[in-house]
Amino acid sequence: MQKMKTKKSAAKRFKVTGTGKLVRNKAYKRHILTKKSTKRKRGLRHAGLVDETQVKTMKRIMPYA
Protein backbone atom coordinates (compact mmCIF):
# COMPACT_ATOMS: atom_id res chain seq x y z
CA MET A 1 0.00 0.00 0.00
CA GLN A 2 1.34 3.39 -0.92
CA LYS A 3 1.92 6.30 1.44
CA MET A 4 -0.65 9.02 1.84
CA LYS A 5 0.31 12.40 0.42
CA THR A 6 0.42 15.53 2.56
CA LYS A 7 -1.16 18.68 1.13
CA LYS A 8 1.93 20.87 1.14
CA SER A 9 -0.03 24.12 1.22
CA ALA A 10 -1.63 23.04 4.51
CA ALA A 11 1.67 21.80 5.94
CA LYS A 12 3.17 25.26 5.41
CA ARG A 13 0.25 27.04 7.11
CA PHE A 14 -0.39 24.88 10.18
CA LYS A 15 1.78 23.57 13.01
CA VAL A 16 0.91 20.86 15.53
CA THR A 17 1.41 21.49 19.24
CA GLY A 18 2.73 18.89 21.67
CA THR A 19 -0.82 18.04 22.73
CA GLY A 20 -1.97 17.57 19.13
CA LYS A 21 -3.80 20.87 18.62
CA LEU A 22 -3.38 22.80 15.36
CA VAL A 23 -1.96 26.32 15.40
CA ARG A 24 -2.61 28.85 12.63
CA ASN A 25 -1.75 32.44 11.85
CA LYS A 26 -4.51 35.02 11.89
CA ALA A 27 -5.83 36.72 8.77
CA TYR A 28 -6.20 40.48 7.98
CA LYS A 29 -2.64 41.56 8.86
CA ARG A 30 -1.21 41.95 5.32
CA HIS A 31 -2.34 45.31 3.95
CA ILE A 32 -4.74 48.23 4.53
CA LEU A 33 -3.43 48.52 8.07
CA THR A 34 -3.91 52.27 8.49
CA LYS A 35 -7.63 52.04 9.30
CA LYS A 36 -7.15 49.20 11.78
CA SER A 37 -6.55 50.09 15.40
CA THR A 38 -3.25 49.37 17.11
CA LYS A 39 -5.02 47.07 19.56
CA ARG A 40 -6.54 45.07 16.70
CA LYS A 41 -3.20 44.73 14.87
CA ARG A 42 -1.47 43.69 18.09
CA GLY A 43 -4.04 40.94 18.60
CA LEU A 44 -3.44 39.65 15.08
CA ARG A 45 0.25 39.04 15.82
CA HIS A 46 -0.42 36.06 18.03
CA ALA A 47 -1.19 32.66 16.58
CA GLY A 48 -4.61 31.13 17.10
CA LEU A 49 -5.92 27.59 17.30
CA VAL A 50 -7.85 25.92 14.50
CA ASP A 51 -11.53 25.58 15.38
CA GLU A 52 -12.62 22.15 16.61
CA THR A 53 -15.04 21.78 13.67
CA GLN A 54 -12.11 21.98 11.23
CA VAL A 55 -9.54 19.81 13.04
CA LYS A 56 -10.72 16.51 11.57
CA THR A 57 -10.40 17.87 8.02
CA MET A 58 -6.96 19.34 8.67
CA LYS A 59 -5.68 16.09 10.19
CA ARG A 60 -6.88 14.22 7.08
CA ILE A 61 -4.95 16.47 4.68
CA MET A 62 -1.85 16.37 6.91
CA PRO A 63 -1.60 12.69 7.87
CA TYR A 64 1.99 12.80 9.17
CA ALA A 65 1.87 16.07 11.10
C-alpha atoms as a PDB file:
ATOM      1  CA  MET A   1       0.000   0.000   0.000  1.00  0.00           C
ATOM      2  CA  GLN A   2       1.342   3.394  -0.919  1.00  0.00           C
ATOM      3  CA  LYS A   3       1.921   6.296   1.444  1.00  0.00           C
ATOM      4  CA  MET A   4      -0.649   9.025   1.844  1.00  0.00           C
ATOM      5  CA  LYS A   5       0.315  12.401   0.421  1.00  0.00           C
ATOM      6  CA  THR A   6       0.419  15.528   2.559  1.00  0.00           C
ATOM      7  CA  LYS A   7      -1.160  18.681   1.130  1.00  0.00           C
ATOM      8  CA  LYS A   8       1.931  20.872   1.141  1.00  0.00           C
ATOM      9  CA  SER A   9      -0.033  24.118   1.219  1.00  0.00           C
ATOM     10  CA  ALA A  10      -1.627  23.041   4.512  1.00  0.00           C
ATOM     11  CA  ALA A  11       1.670  21.801   5.937  1.00  0.00           C
ATOM     12  CA  LYS A  12       3.169  25.265   5.412  1.00  0.00           C
ATOM     13  CA  ARG A  13       0.254  27.037   7.112  1.00  0.00           C
ATOM     14  CA  PHE A  14      -0.386  24.878  10.182  1.00  0.00           C
ATOM     15  CA  LYS A  15       1.781  23.568  13.008  1.00  0.00           C
ATOM     16  CA  VAL A  16       0.912  20.862  15.532  1.00  0.00           C
ATOM     17  CA  THR A  17       1.406  21.488  19.241  1.00  0.00           C
ATOM     18  CA  GLY A  18       2.725  18.894  21.667  1.00  0.00           C
ATOM     19  CA  THR A  19      -0.824  18.038  22.726  1.00  0.00           C
ATOM     20  CA  GLY A  20      -1.972  17.572  19.127  1.00  0.00           C
ATOM     21  CA  LYS A  21      -3.801  20.870  18.617  1.00  0.00           C
ATOM     22  CA  LEU A  22      -3.379  22.797  15.362  1.00  0.00           C
ATOM     23  CA  VAL A  23      -1.955  26.318  15.395  1.00  0.00           C
ATOM     24  CA  ARG A  24      -2.615  28.845  12.630  1.00  0.00           C
ATOM     25  CA  ASN A  25      -1.745  32.438  11.854  1.00  0.00           C
ATOM     26  CA  LYS A  26      -4.511  35.020  11.893  1.00  0.00           C
ATOM     27  CA  ALA A  27      -5.826  36.724   8.774  1.00  0.00           C
ATOM     28  CA  TYR A  28      -6.196  40.477   7.985  1.00  0.00           C
ATOM     29  CA  LYS A  29      -2.639  41.555   8.857  1.00  0.00           C
ATOM     30  CA  ARG A  30      -1.213  41.947   5.318  1.00  0.00           C
ATOM     31  CA  HIS A  31      -2.340  45.312   3.949  1.00  0.00           C
ATOM     32  CA  ILE A  32      -4.741  48.227   4.530  1.00  0.00           C
ATOM     33  CA  LEU A  33      -3.429  48.517   8.069  1.00  0.00           C
ATOM     34  CA  THR A  34      -3.906  52.274   8.493  1.00  0.00           C
ATOM     35  CA  LYS A  35      -7.626  52.036   9.296  1.00  0.00           C
ATOM     36  CA  LYS A  36      -7.148  49.199  11.775  1.00  0.00           C
ATOM     37  CA  SER A  37      -6.547  50.092  15.402  1.00  0.00           C
ATOM     38  CA  THR A  38      -3.249  49.373  17.113  1.00  0.00           C
ATOM     39  CA  LYS A  39      -5.021  47.070  19.559  1.00  0.00           C
ATOM     40  CA  ARG A  40      -6.536  45.070  16.702  1.00  0.00           C
ATOM     41  CA  LYS A  41      -3.200  44.734  14.868  1.00  0.00           C
ATOM     42  CA  ARG A  42      -1.468  43.691  18.086  1.00  0.00           C
ATOM     43  CA  GLY A  43      -4.038  40.943  18.595  1.00  0.00           C
ATOM     44  CA  LEU A  44      -3.435  39.650  15.081  1.00  0.00           C
ATOM     45  CA  ARG A  45       0.251  39.044  15.818  1.00  0.00           C
ATOM     46  CA  HIS A  46      -0.422  36.057  18.029  1.00  0.00           C
ATOM     47  CA  ALA A  47      -1.190  32.657  16.580  1.00  0.00           C
ATOM     48  CA  GLY A  48      -4.613  31.128  17.101  1.00  0.00           C
ATOM     49  CA  LEU A  49      -5.921  27.590  17.295  1.00  0.00           C
ATOM     50  CA  VAL A  50      -7.847  25.917  14.498  1.00  0.00           C
ATOM     51  CA  ASP A  51     -11.531  25.584  15.381  1.00  0.00           C
ATOM     52  CA  GLU A  52     -12.625  22.147  16.610  1.00  0.00           C
ATOM     53  CA  THR A  53     -15.036  21.784  13.674  1.00  0.00           C
ATOM     54  CA  GLN A  54     -12.109  21.976  11.227  1.00  0.00           C
ATOM     55  CA  VAL A  55      -9.538  19.807  13.038  1.00  0.00           C
ATOM     56  CA  LYS A  56     -10.723  16.507  11.567  1.00  0.00           C
ATOM     57  CA  THR A  57     -10.404  17.866   8.019  1.00  0.00           C
ATOM     58  CA  MET A  58      -6.965  19.336   8.673  1.00  0.00           C
ATOM     59  CA  LYS A  59      -5.677  16.088  10.187  1.00  0.00           C
ATOM     60  CA  ARG A  60      -6.877  14.219   7.082  1.00  0.00           C
ATOM     61  CA  ILE A  61      -4.952  16.475   4.682  1.00  0.00           C
ATOM     62  CA  MET A  62      -1.847  16.366   6.911  1.00  0.00           C
ATOM     63  CA  PRO A  63      -1.598  12.690   7.867  1.00  0.00           C
ATOM     64  CA  TYR A  64       1.992  12.801   9.167  1.00  0.00           C
ATOM     65  CA  ALA A  65       1.867  16.074  11.096  1.00  0.00           C
END
